[in-house]
Amino acid sequence: MSTKYVYTFGDGKAEGKADMRNLLGGKGANLAEMNLIGVPVPAGFTITTEVCTLYNQEGKDAVIKLIENDVKAGIAATEKLMNAKFGSKGEAFPLLVSVRSGARVSMPGMMERLYDECKEHSLDVIYSEFNVDEYPGFRITLKPERLYTGREEIEQLRLDIVGAEPNHRSSVKFQCSACKGLYSMKLLSEHHLQFHSERQYISEDMLFNLDVLYHAMQVKTVPWQMYHYCLNGASLSHTYRPDRWPKLLYMLEILDKKGQQFKHQEEFRLRLARTAIFYTRSGIGQEIRRTDISFKEKLRRVTEIMKDTTISSLIKDYPFYNLPLTWKIYGYLLKCKCKWIMFIVMYINNKKRRMTSIKIC
């Protein structure tokens, strides 16, 4: 009997299960188990950890020859379940895939420590800090550790995810992407919660964590650096994509609709407006940094972004005077729709960033 190297999952079925971590890695085993217990996750397949061993022993060409047909079968099975076509050129809905690495074991004792903490405090969610020294601007500090109990305290954490207060130095106070979260499977199953695709939402992790925390009653943040954050410069979050601005606007609409879940409406509107300012600055910066369009086209796109009524509505009553100086400048320029000054300020700022990058390199 030949060795099986590819295990499929989807539509409530899976060829693997939770106790096959050594063969499927942590992610593969858990994705299989989630399908078996009815958690709605997209279809896919896992290449076993044995293939990694064979790759090191036999090399790339030998491994491709060994698993090529099995991988093609896995893609075909995924296409059928998702009703999409991998590599489609318009003849069918395209199948978008995410390729993630996994391992037999994580950092020794890491998950056990987080899990024990969850059991000791009956937690629904626990967040631990990433080690992000290579990208300090992305770092958040979960010190001191804190236990959030009940809806009132957890709402404060949810507000920090939506955005920061006006006087905060950064636009975001709690960055979910910079934390390792461990979630109650019971909570996810009972409320049918699932992670969204990055291709559907710009900040899919924000939406997922807002949904989870809305139902949670015990949450803890701890300053243990148990993962190392690796900045992926080629990710959709850090590269230009034509639909970025529409998706940022769509994200604001989704967040706005979630406002009804918040008890402190005025505070929610302040946090959302701060994020709207950040999204606008990000959208303008993306357009100015482009090298494939003319100066005139850049200015047209910046003007279009600044004239957007969704942004105008969110920031019209915002207390810009409370913002840190740099954000205050951007805020007032945005509110007054000073497109030429905004363009010049952003253009100069971009030049400075590029020169700093060159000096560092």
Protein backbone atom coordinates (compact mmCIF):
# COMPACT_ATOMS: atom_id res chain seq x y z
CA MET A 1 0.00 0.00 0.00
CA SER A 2 1.43 3.37 -1.04
CA THR A 3 2.05 6.10 1.54
CA LYS A 4 -0.54 8.89 1.69
CA TYR A 5 1.00 12.35 1.51
CA VAL A 6 -2.04 14.61 0.95
CA TYR A 7 -5.08 14.79 3.27
CA THR A 8 -8.18 16.73 2.17
CA PHE A 9 -10.79 18.52 4.28
CA GLY A 10 -14.01 20.45 3.65
CA ASP A 11 -17.81 20.39 3.80
CA GLY A 12 -17.86 18.82 7.25
CA LYS A 13 -15.55 15.96 6.26
CA ALA A 14 -11.83 15.38 6.67
CA GLU A 15 -9.30 12.63 6.06
CA GLY A 16 -7.37 13.74 9.12
CA LYS A 17 -8.26 14.53 12.75
CA ALA A 18 -6.94 16.31 15.82
CA ASP A 19 -4.69 13.52 17.08
CA MET A 20 -2.71 13.43 13.79
CA ARG A 21 -0.61 16.48 14.68
CA ASN A 22 2.70 14.64 14.08
CA LEU A 23 1.63 13.80 10.53
CA LEU A 24 -0.40 16.88 9.58
CA GLY A 25 1.20 19.57 11.72
CA GLY A 26 -0.74 21.78 14.12
CA LYS A 27 -2.71 23.73 11.51
CA GLY A 28 -3.53 20.69 9.39
CA ALA A 29 -4.75 18.61 12.32
CA ASN A 30 -6.87 21.43 13.71
CA LEU A 31 -8.40 22.32 10.32
CA ALA A 32 -9.40 18.68 9.91
CA GLU A 33 -10.92 18.57 13.40
CA MET A 34 -12.82 21.83 12.89
CA ASN A 35 -14.44 20.35 9.79
CA LEU A 36 -15.40 17.21 11.67
CA ILE A 37 -17.12 19.14 14.48
CA GLY A 38 -18.96 21.43 12.07
CA VAL A 39 -16.98 24.68 12.27
CA PRO A 40 -17.45 26.43 8.88
CA VAL A 41 -13.95 26.66 7.38
CA PRO A 42 -13.07 26.72 3.67
CA ALA A 43 -12.08 23.49 1.93
CA GLY A 44 -8.44 22.60 1.34
CA PHE A 45 -5.79 19.95 1.83
CA THR A 46 -2.68 19.32 3.92
CA ILE A 47 0.65 17.97 2.69
CA THR A 48 2.09 15.80 5.45
CA THR A 49 5.16 16.57 7.53
CA GLU A 50 6.81 13.45 6.06
CA VAL A 51 7.16 15.33 2.78
CA CYS A 52 9.36 17.90 4.51
CA THR A 53 11.66 15.11 5.68
CA LEU A 54 11.75 13.64 2.18
CA TYR A 55 12.50 17.07 0.71
CA ASN A 56 15.58 17.37 2.91
CA GLN A 57 16.65 13.82 2.05
CA GLU A 58 15.78 13.49 -1.63
CA GLY A 59 15.53 17.06 -2.91
CA LYS A 60 12.93 19.18 -4.68
CA ASP A 61 12.58 17.27 -7.96
CA ALA A 62 12.05 13.91 -6.26
CA VAL A 63 9.36 15.34 -3.97
CA ILE A 64 7.50 17.03 -6.83
CA LYS A 65 7.43 13.77 -8.75
CA LEU A 66 6.22 11.93 -5.64
CA ILE A 67 3.30 14.19 -4.66
CA GLU A 68 2.36 16.02 -7.89
CA ASN A 69 -0.64 13.84 -8.73
CA ASP A 70 -1.89 13.87 -5.13
CA VAL A 71 -1.66 17.67 -4.98
CA LYS A 72 -3.54 17.98 -8.28
CA ALA A 73 -6.23 15.69 -6.87
CA GLY A 74 -6.38 17.85 -3.72
CA ILE A 75 -6.83 20.98 -5.82
CA ALA A 76 -9.57 19.29 -7.84
CA ALA A 77 -11.39 18.27 -4.66
CA THR A 78 -11.12 21.82 -3.32
CA GLU A 79 -12.40 23.26 -6.62
CA LYS A 80 -15.44 21.01 -6.49
CA LEU A 81 -16.33 21.95 -2.90
CA MET A 82 -15.74 25.68 -3.41
CA ASN A 83 -17.37 25.76 -6.87
CA ALA A 84 -14.38 27.63 -8.29
CA LYS A 85 -11.49 27.04 -10.69
CA PHE A 86 -7.82 27.29 -9.75
CA GLY A 87 -5.97 29.38 -12.36
CA SER A 88 -9.19 30.57 -13.95
CA LYS A 89 -8.75 33.13 -16.72
CA GLY A 90 -12.38 34.23 -16.67
CA GLU A 91 -14.11 31.04 -17.70
CA ALA A 92 -15.12 30.32 -14.10
CA PHE A 93 -15.05 31.91 -10.65
CA PRO A 94 -11.36 31.91 -9.57
CA LEU A 95 -10.28 29.73 -6.66
CA LEU A 96 -8.10 31.84 -4.37
CA VAL A 97 -5.89 29.83 -2.06
CA SER A 98 -3.78 30.57 0.99
CA VAL A 99 -0.64 28.47 1.51
CA ARG A 100 0.36 28.20 5.15
CA SER A 101 3.24 26.36 6.78
CA GLY A 102 2.81 24.13 9.82
CA ALA A 103 4.90 22.02 12.15
CA ARG A 104 4.59 18.94 14.34
CA VAL A 105 5.20 21.07 17.43
CA SER A 106 5.23 24.78 18.20
CA MET A 107 7.65 26.45 20.58
CA PRO A 108 8.14 23.92 23.39
CA GLY A 109 5.50 24.43 26.05
CA MET A 110 3.99 27.47 24.35
CA MET A 111 0.50 26.21 23.62
CA GLU A 112 0.43 24.27 26.86
CA ARG A 113 1.19 27.44 28.83
CA LEU A 114 -1.53 29.41 27.06
CA TYR A 115 -3.99 26.53 27.39
CA ASP A 116 -3.26 26.13 31.11
CA GLU A 117 -3.84 29.86 31.57
CA CYS A 118 -7.20 29.51 29.80
CA LYS A 119 -8.23 26.63 32.07
CA GLU A 120 -7.10 28.37 35.26
CA HIS A 121 -9.14 31.52 34.54
CA SER A 122 -11.95 29.93 32.47
CA LEU A 123 -10.99 32.15 29.54
CA ASP A 124 -12.81 32.45 26.23
CA VAL A 125 -9.82 34.19 24.60
CA ILE A 126 -6.18 34.81 25.46
CA TYR A 127 -3.76 37.05 23.53
CA SER A 128 0.01 36.80 23.85
CA GLU A 129 2.53 39.23 22.38
CA PHE A 130 4.62 38.66 19.25
CA ASN A 131 8.34 39.33 19.12
CA VAL A 132 8.41 41.93 16.36
CA ASP A 133 11.81 43.54 16.90
CA GLU A 134 12.49 43.57 13.14
CA TYR A 135 9.46 45.81 12.65
CA PRO A 136 9.21 47.95 15.83
CA GLY A 137 6.51 50.20 14.40
CA PHE A 138 4.18 47.21 14.37
CA ARG A 139 4.79 46.27 17.97
CA ILE A 140 2.20 46.52 20.72
CA THR A 141 2.90 46.00 24.39
CA LEU A 142 0.55 43.88 26.47
CA LYS A 143 2.10 44.93 29.77
CA PRO A 144 1.07 44.51 32.43
CA GLU A 145 -1.03 41.43 31.81
CA ARG A 146 -4.72 42.08 32.24
CA LEU A 147 -7.86 40.07 32.78
CA TYR A 148 -11.02 41.45 31.16
CA THR A 149 -14.19 40.20 32.84
CA GLY A 150 -17.72 40.92 31.65
CA ARG A 151 -19.15 42.88 28.74
CA GLU A 152 -18.20 46.35 30.06
CA GLU A 153 -14.47 45.62 30.34
CA ILE A 154 -14.33 43.60 27.14
CA GLU A 155 -16.05 46.44 25.27
CA GLN A 156 -13.05 48.62 26.11
CA LEU A 157 -10.80 46.07 24.42
CA ARG A 158 -13.13 45.98 21.40
CA LEU A 159 -12.99 49.78 21.19
CA ASP A 160 -9.18 49.57 21.21
CA ILE A 161 -9.40 47.22 18.22
CA VAL A 162 -11.68 49.60 16.28
CA GLY A 163 -9.27 52.53 16.76
CA ALA A 164 -7.46 54.72 19.24
CA GLU A 165 -8.53 57.77 21.21
CA PRO A 166 -7.70 61.15 19.64
CA ASN A 167 -4.65 61.79 21.84
CA HIS A 168 -3.07 58.36 21.27
CA ARG A 169 0.19 58.45 19.27
CA SER A 170 -0.90 55.65 16.95
CA SER A 171 -4.17 55.23 15.06
CA VAL A 172 -4.66 51.71 16.44
CA LYS A 173 -4.38 50.82 20.10
CA PHE A 174 -4.74 47.04 19.93
CA GLN A 175 -3.41 45.39 16.75
CA CYS A 176 -4.80 41.86 16.51
CA SER A 177 -2.23 40.97 13.85
CA ALA A 178 0.55 41.55 16.39
CA CYS A 179 -0.83 39.02 18.87
CA LYS A 180 -1.16 35.27 19.10
CA GLY A 181 -4.75 34.48 19.98
CA LEU A 182 -6.08 31.26 21.48
CA TYR A 183 -9.87 30.93 21.29
CA SER A 184 -12.47 28.74 22.93
CA MET A 185 -13.64 26.14 20.40
CA LYS A 186 -16.98 26.02 22.21
CA LEU A 187 -17.43 29.76 21.73
CA LEU A 188 -16.58 29.57 18.02
CA SER A 189 -18.89 26.63 17.43
CA GLU A 190 -21.86 27.95 19.39
CA HIS A 191 -21.86 31.29 17.56
CA HIS A 192 -20.74 29.97 14.15
CA LEU A 193 -17.72 32.28 14.08
CA GLN A 194 -15.16 31.97 11.31
CA PHE A 195 -12.12 33.76 9.95
CA HIS A 196 -12.66 35.77 6.79
CA SER A 197 -10.44 35.93 3.72
CA GLU A 198 -7.91 38.75 3.34
CA ARG A 199 -9.13 39.00 -0.25
CA GLN A 200 -12.62 39.81 0.98
CA TYR A 201 -11.69 42.27 3.72
CA ILE A 202 -8.61 44.44 4.21
CA SER A 203 -8.50 43.77 7.98
CA GLU A 204 -10.09 40.35 8.27
CA ASP A 205 -8.45 39.68 11.64
CA MET A 206 -10.08 42.80 13.10
CA LEU A 207 -13.57 41.62 12.14
CA PHE A 208 -12.96 38.12 13.46
CA ASN A 209 -11.73 39.32 16.84
CA LEU A 210 -14.54 41.87 17.19
CA ASP A 211 -17.05 39.07 16.58
CA VAL A 212 -15.36 36.72 19.03
CA LEU A 213 -15.02 39.31 21.78
CA TYR A 214 -18.67 40.33 21.38
CA HIS A 215 -19.63 36.91 22.73
CA ALA A 216 -16.74 36.44 25.17
CA MET A 217 -17.02 36.93 28.95
CA GLN A 218 -13.44 36.23 30.10
CA VAL A 219 -10.44 37.53 28.13
CA LYS A 220 -6.81 37.91 29.10
CA THR A 221 -3.80 39.64 27.52
CA VAL A 222 -0.30 38.51 28.50
CA PRO A 223 3.15 39.93 27.57
CA TRP A 224 4.71 36.58 26.70
CA GLN A 225 6.56 36.76 23.37
CA MET A 226 5.84 33.28 22.09
CA TYR A 227 5.87 33.93 18.37
CA HIS A 228 8.20 35.89 16.13
CA TYR A 229 6.43 38.16 13.69
CA CYS A 230 7.87 38.00 10.17
CA LEU A 231 6.88 40.99 8.05
CA ASN A 232 5.70 39.80 4.64
CA GLY A 233 6.37 42.73 2.34
CA ALA A 234 4.58 40.95 -0.50
CA SER A 235 1.31 40.48 1.41
CA LEU A 236 -1.87 42.18 0.27
CA SER A 237 -1.60 44.47 3.29
CA HIS A 238 1.73 45.93 2.18
CA THR A 239 1.52 46.02 -1.61
CA TYR A 240 -0.55 48.09 -4.02
CA ARG A 241 -3.81 46.56 -5.19
CA PRO A 242 -6.30 48.38 -7.45
CA ASP A 243 -9.22 47.62 -5.16
CA ARG A 244 -7.49 48.82 -1.97
CA TRP A 245 -9.42 52.06 -1.54
CA PRO A 246 -12.87 50.53 -2.27
CA LYS A 247 -12.06 47.76 0.21
CA LEU A 248 -10.97 50.26 2.85
CA LEU A 249 -14.28 52.06 2.41
CA TYR A 250 -16.13 48.75 2.57
CA MET A 251 -14.27 47.92 5.78
CA LEU A 252 -15.44 51.21 7.32
CA GLU A 253 -19.02 50.40 6.31
CA ILE A 254 -18.80 46.98 7.96
CA LEU A 255 -17.32 48.48 11.13
CA ASP A 256 -20.02 51.18 11.13
CA LYS A 257 -22.71 48.49 11.07
CA LYS A 258 -21.07 46.76 14.03
CA GLY A 259 -21.51 49.99 15.98
CA GLN A 260 -24.92 48.82 17.17
CA GLN A 261 -23.11 46.18 19.26
CA PHE A 262 -21.42 48.87 21.35
CA LYS A 263 -22.91 50.39 24.46
CA HIS A 264 -20.69 53.49 24.35
CA GLN A 265 -21.80 54.91 21.02
CA GLU A 266 -20.01 58.27 21.25
CA GLU A 267 -16.72 56.58 22.06
CA PHE A 268 -17.23 54.09 19.22
CA ARG A 269 -17.78 56.94 16.72
CA LEU A 270 -14.54 58.61 17.89
CA ARG A 271 -12.54 55.41 17.46
CA LEU A 272 -14.06 54.69 14.04
CA ALA A 273 -13.29 58.23 12.86
CA ARG A 274 -9.65 57.83 13.91
CA THR A 275 -9.45 54.68 11.80
CA ALA A 276 -11.13 56.50 8.89
CA ILE A 277 -8.37 59.14 9.03
CA PHE A 278 -5.75 56.39 9.07
CA TYR A 279 -7.36 54.54 6.14
CA THR A 280 -7.50 57.76 4.12
CA ARG A 281 -3.86 58.56 4.81
CA SER A 282 -2.97 55.00 3.84
CA GLY A 283 -5.00 55.17 0.63
CA ILE A 284 -3.45 58.47 -0.42
CA GLY A 285 0.04 57.22 0.40
CA GLN A 286 -0.47 54.12 -1.75
CA GLU A 287 -1.46 56.24 -4.74
CA ILE A 288 1.44 58.69 -4.34
CA ARG A 289 3.99 55.87 -4.10
CA ARG A 290 2.85 54.33 -7.38
CA THR A 291 5.30 54.43 -10.28
CA ASP A 292 2.95 53.22 -13.02
CA ILE A 293 0.77 56.36 -13.28
CA SER A 294 1.41 60.02 -14.10
CA PHE A 295 1.56 62.93 -11.66
CA LYS A 296 -1.76 64.17 -13.01
CA GLU A 297 -3.41 60.78 -12.44
CA LYS A 298 -2.02 60.60 -8.91
CA LEU A 299 -3.53 63.99 -8.11
CA ARG A 300 -6.87 62.94 -9.59
CA ARG A 301 -6.95 59.82 -7.43
CA VAL A 302 -5.95 61.73 -4.29
CA THR A 303 -8.72 64.25 -5.00
CA GLU A 304 -11.22 61.42 -5.42
CA ILE A 305 -10.23 59.90 -2.07
CA MET A 306 -10.43 63.22 -0.21
CA LYS A 307 -13.88 64.02 -1.65
CA ASP A 308 -15.41 60.73 -0.50
CA THR A 309 -18.65 61.36 1.40
CA THR A 310 -18.22 58.34 3.68
CA ILE A 311 -15.01 59.83 5.10
CA SER A 312 -16.49 63.33 5.33
CA SER A 313 -19.45 62.01 7.30
CA LEU A 314 -17.29 60.06 9.76
CA ILE A 315 -14.84 62.87 10.55
CA LYS A 316 -17.04 65.99 10.39
CA ASP A 317 -17.28 66.39 14.20
CA TYR A 318 -13.90 64.89 15.08
CA PRO A 319 -11.75 66.77 17.67
CA PHE A 320 -8.65 67.16 15.46
CA TYR A 321 -7.09 69.53 18.00
CA ASN A 322 -6.53 66.55 20.32
CA LEU A 323 -4.50 64.56 17.79
CA PRO A 324 -0.68 64.28 17.91
CA LEU A 325 0.91 66.94 15.69
CA THR A 326 1.50 64.87 12.55
CA TRP A 327 -1.97 63.37 12.63
CA LYS A 328 -3.44 66.80 13.40
CA ILE A 329 -1.94 68.17 10.17
CA TYR A 330 -3.30 65.31 8.09
CA GLY A 331 -6.67 65.54 9.81
CA TYR A 332 -7.19 69.24 9.15
CA LEU A 333 -6.02 68.93 5.53
CA LEU A 334 -8.47 66.08 5.05
CA LYS A 335 -11.36 67.92 6.67
CA CYS A 336 -10.72 71.09 4.63
CA LYS A 337 -10.11 69.03 1.46
CA CYS A 338 -6.82 70.83 0.77
CA LYS A 339 -5.79 68.38 -1.95
CA TRP A 340 -2.70 70.27 -3.18
CA ILE A 341 -1.19 70.75 0.26
CA MET A 342 -2.06 67.16 1.21
CA PHE A 343 -0.42 65.91 -1.96
CA ILE A 344 2.76 67.90 -1.34
CA VAL A 345 2.98 66.89 2.34
CA MET A 346 2.46 63.21 1.54
CA TYR A 347 4.87 63.37 -1.41
CA ILE A 348 7.65 64.91 0.72
CA ASN A 349 6.99 62.44 3.52
CA ASN A 350 7.23 59.56 1.07
CA LYS A 351 10.56 60.89 -0.26
CA LYS A 352 11.94 61.07 3.28
CA ARG A 353 10.86 57.50 3.97
CA ARG A 354 12.58 56.28 0.79
CA MET A 355 15.81 58.12 1.62
CA THR A 356 15.80 56.66 5.14
CA SER A 357 15.28 53.19 3.67
CA ILE A 358 18.24 53.68 1.30
CA LYS A 359 20.52 54.82 4.14
CA ILE A 360 19.56 51.81 6.26
CA CYS A 361 20.24 49.42 3.37
